[in-house]
C-alpha cells in the first residue's frame, strides 16, 4: 500500500500550508484560512464513459 495522497493546496484559499487533521482519515487543516476539509474517494468511473458536453463530430 502506498502513502496517502496529500492535497497540494487548500480548496478555499489556495494556500499550501496544510496539515493532517486529527479528525480522521482524509481530513486536512489549512493554517492560512483556518478551515478544515476532508478528501474522499468516491469510486471509479465506468469504462467507456463519455462526457455529454462533447460537441459534434470531430474531423
N, C-alpha and C. Protein backbone atom coordinates (compact mmCIF):
# COMPACT_ATOMS: atom_id res chain seq x y z
N UNK A 1 0.84 -1.17 0.00
CA UNK A 1 0.00 0.00 0.00
C UNK A 1 0.89 1.24 0.00
N UNK A 2 0.54 2.23 -0.77
CA UNK A 2 1.33 3.45 -0.84
C UNK A 2 0.88 4.44 0.24
N UNK A 3 1.64 5.51 0.38
CA UNK A 3 1.27 6.54 1.33
C UNK A 3 -0.02 7.21 0.89
N UNK A 4 -0.70 7.82 1.85
CA UNK A 4 -1.95 8.50 1.49
C UNK A 4 -1.65 9.72 0.63
N UNK A 5 -2.55 10.03 -0.25
CA UNK A 5 -2.38 11.18 -1.12
C UNK A 5 -2.63 12.46 -0.33
N UNK A 6 -1.83 13.45 -0.56
CA UNK A 6 -1.96 14.72 0.14
C UNK A 6 -2.37 15.80 -0.86
N UNK A 7 -3.28 16.68 -0.47
CA UNK A 7 -3.63 17.80 -1.36
C UNK A 7 -2.46 18.77 -1.45
N UNK A 8 -2.34 19.44 -2.57
CA UNK A 8 -1.25 20.39 -2.78
C UNK A 8 -1.60 21.79 -2.30
N UNK A 9 -2.89 22.11 -2.25
CA UNK A 9 -3.32 23.44 -1.84
C UNK A 9 -4.73 23.37 -1.24
N UNK A 10 -5.07 24.39 -0.48
CA UNK A 10 -6.39 24.49 0.14
C UNK A 10 -7.43 24.79 -0.93
N UNK A 11 -8.55 24.06 -0.96
CA UNK A 11 -9.58 24.33 -1.97
C UNK A 11 -10.34 25.65 -1.72
N UNK A 12 -10.15 26.27 -0.58
CA UNK A 12 -10.85 27.52 -0.26
C UNK A 12 -10.00 28.76 -0.53
N UNK A 13 -8.75 28.76 -0.05
CA UNK A 13 -7.92 29.96 -0.21
C UNK A 13 -6.74 29.76 -1.16
N UNK A 14 -6.41 28.51 -1.49
CA UNK A 14 -5.32 28.23 -2.41
C UNK A 14 -3.95 28.18 -1.77
N UNK A 15 -3.85 28.39 -0.46
CA UNK A 15 -2.56 28.36 0.21
C UNK A 15 -2.06 26.92 0.33
N UNK A 16 -0.77 26.76 0.51
CA UNK A 16 -0.15 25.44 0.57
C UNK A 16 0.23 25.01 1.99
N UNK A 17 -0.15 25.78 3.00
CA UNK A 17 0.21 25.47 4.39
C UNK A 17 -0.85 24.54 5.00
N UNK A 18 -0.80 23.26 4.61
CA UNK A 18 -1.79 22.28 5.05
C UNK A 18 -1.14 21.28 6.00
N UNK A 19 -1.95 20.80 6.94
CA UNK A 19 -1.51 19.79 7.89
C UNK A 19 -2.61 18.75 8.05
N UNK A 20 -2.25 17.49 8.26
CA UNK A 20 -3.28 16.47 8.52
C UNK A 20 -4.06 16.82 9.78
N UNK A 21 -5.35 16.60 9.75
CA UNK A 21 -6.21 16.89 10.90
C UNK A 21 -6.33 15.67 11.80
N UNK A 22 -6.63 15.90 13.04
CA UNK A 22 -6.84 14.81 13.99
C UNK A 22 -8.23 14.20 13.85
N UNK A 23 -9.08 14.76 12.99
CA UNK A 23 -10.45 14.30 12.83
C UNK A 23 -10.56 12.93 12.17
N UNK A 24 -9.54 12.51 11.47
CA UNK A 24 -9.59 11.19 10.86
C UNK A 24 -8.95 11.15 9.49
N UNK A 25 -9.12 10.01 8.83
CA UNK A 25 -8.51 9.76 7.53
C UNK A 25 -9.04 10.74 6.47
N UNK A 26 -8.16 11.38 5.76
CA UNK A 26 -8.54 12.29 4.68
C UNK A 26 -8.90 13.68 5.13
N UNK A 27 -8.76 14.00 6.41
CA UNK A 27 -9.09 15.32 6.92
C UNK A 27 -7.83 16.18 6.98
N UNK A 28 -7.96 17.42 6.55
CA UNK A 28 -6.82 18.35 6.49
C UNK A 28 -7.22 19.70 7.08
N UNK A 29 -6.23 20.43 7.60
CA UNK A 29 -6.44 21.77 8.14
C UNK A 29 -5.54 22.75 7.41
N UNK A 30 -6.10 23.90 7.07
CA UNK A 30 -5.33 24.97 6.42
C UNK A 30 -4.97 26.00 7.48
N UNK A 31 -3.67 26.23 7.68
CA UNK A 31 -3.22 27.20 8.67
C UNK A 31 -3.44 28.64 8.21
N UNK A 32 -3.59 28.85 6.91
CA UNK A 32 -3.75 30.19 6.37
C UNK A 32 -5.17 30.74 6.58
N UNK A 33 -6.19 29.97 6.20
CA UNK A 33 -7.57 30.46 6.32
C UNK A 33 -8.32 29.82 7.50
N UNK A 34 -7.64 28.94 8.24
CA UNK A 34 -8.20 28.32 9.44
C UNK A 34 -9.44 27.48 9.14
N UNK A 35 -9.45 26.82 7.99
CA UNK A 35 -10.55 25.93 7.62
C UNK A 35 -10.09 24.49 7.65
N UNK A 36 -11.03 23.59 7.87
CA UNK A 36 -10.76 22.16 7.82
C UNK A 36 -11.61 21.57 6.71
N UNK A 37 -11.07 20.58 6.01
CA UNK A 37 -11.82 19.92 4.94
C UNK A 37 -11.41 18.47 4.88
N UNK A 38 -12.20 17.67 4.18
CA UNK A 38 -11.94 16.24 4.09
C UNK A 38 -11.97 15.80 2.64
N UNK A 39 -11.02 14.94 2.28
CA UNK A 39 -10.97 14.36 0.94
C UNK A 39 -11.58 12.97 1.01
N UNK A 40 -12.33 12.61 -0.03
CA UNK A 40 -12.99 11.31 -0.03
C UNK A 40 -12.97 10.74 -1.44
N UNK A 41 -12.55 9.50 -1.55
CA UNK A 41 -12.57 8.80 -2.83
C UNK A 41 -13.97 8.28 -3.06
N UNK A 42 -14.58 8.64 -4.18
CA UNK A 42 -15.96 8.23 -4.46
C UNK A 42 -16.05 6.94 -5.25
N UNK A 43 -15.06 6.63 -6.08
CA UNK A 43 -15.09 5.41 -6.86
C UNK A 43 -14.55 5.65 -8.25
N UNK A 44 -14.55 4.60 -9.04
CA UNK A 44 -14.07 4.68 -10.42
C UNK A 44 -15.24 4.93 -11.37
N UNK A 45 -14.95 5.65 -12.43
CA UNK A 45 -15.97 5.87 -13.46
C UNK A 45 -16.09 4.64 -14.33
N UNK A 46 -17.25 4.44 -14.90
CA UNK A 46 -17.47 3.30 -15.77
C UNK A 46 -16.58 3.40 -17.01
N UNK A 47 -16.07 2.29 -17.46
CA UNK A 47 -15.20 2.28 -18.64
C UNK A 47 -16.02 2.68 -19.87
N UNK A 48 -15.43 3.51 -20.70
CA UNK A 48 -16.12 3.95 -21.91
C UNK A 48 -17.05 5.13 -21.68
N UNK A 49 -17.03 5.70 -20.48
CA UNK A 49 -17.88 6.84 -20.16
C UNK A 49 -17.47 8.02 -21.02
N UNK A 50 -18.44 8.70 -21.63
CA UNK A 50 -18.17 9.88 -22.45
C UNK A 50 -18.94 11.05 -21.88
N UNK A 51 -18.31 12.20 -21.89
CA UNK A 51 -18.97 13.40 -21.39
C UNK A 51 -20.09 13.83 -22.33
N UNK A 52 -21.14 14.38 -21.74
CA UNK A 52 -22.28 14.84 -22.53
C UNK A 52 -21.99 16.16 -23.21
N UNK A 53 -20.91 16.87 -22.80
CA UNK A 53 -20.62 18.18 -23.36
C UNK A 53 -19.84 18.13 -24.66
N UNK A 54 -19.58 16.94 -25.21
CA UNK A 54 -18.82 16.88 -26.47
C UNK A 54 -19.70 17.41 -27.61
N UNK A 55 -19.12 18.31 -28.39
CA UNK A 55 -19.84 18.99 -29.47
C UNK A 55 -20.26 18.04 -30.58
N UNK A 56 -20.05 18.31 -31.76
CA UNK A 56 -20.43 17.44 -32.87
C UNK A 56 -19.32 16.48 -33.22
N UNK A 57 -19.29 16.08 -34.47
CA UNK A 57 -18.26 15.17 -34.94
C UNK A 57 -16.94 15.92 -35.08
N UNK A 58 -15.86 15.25 -34.72
CA UNK A 58 -14.55 15.87 -34.87
C UNK A 58 -13.95 15.42 -36.18
N UNK A 59 -13.22 16.32 -36.84
CA UNK A 59 -12.59 15.99 -38.12
C UNK A 59 -11.14 15.73 -37.91
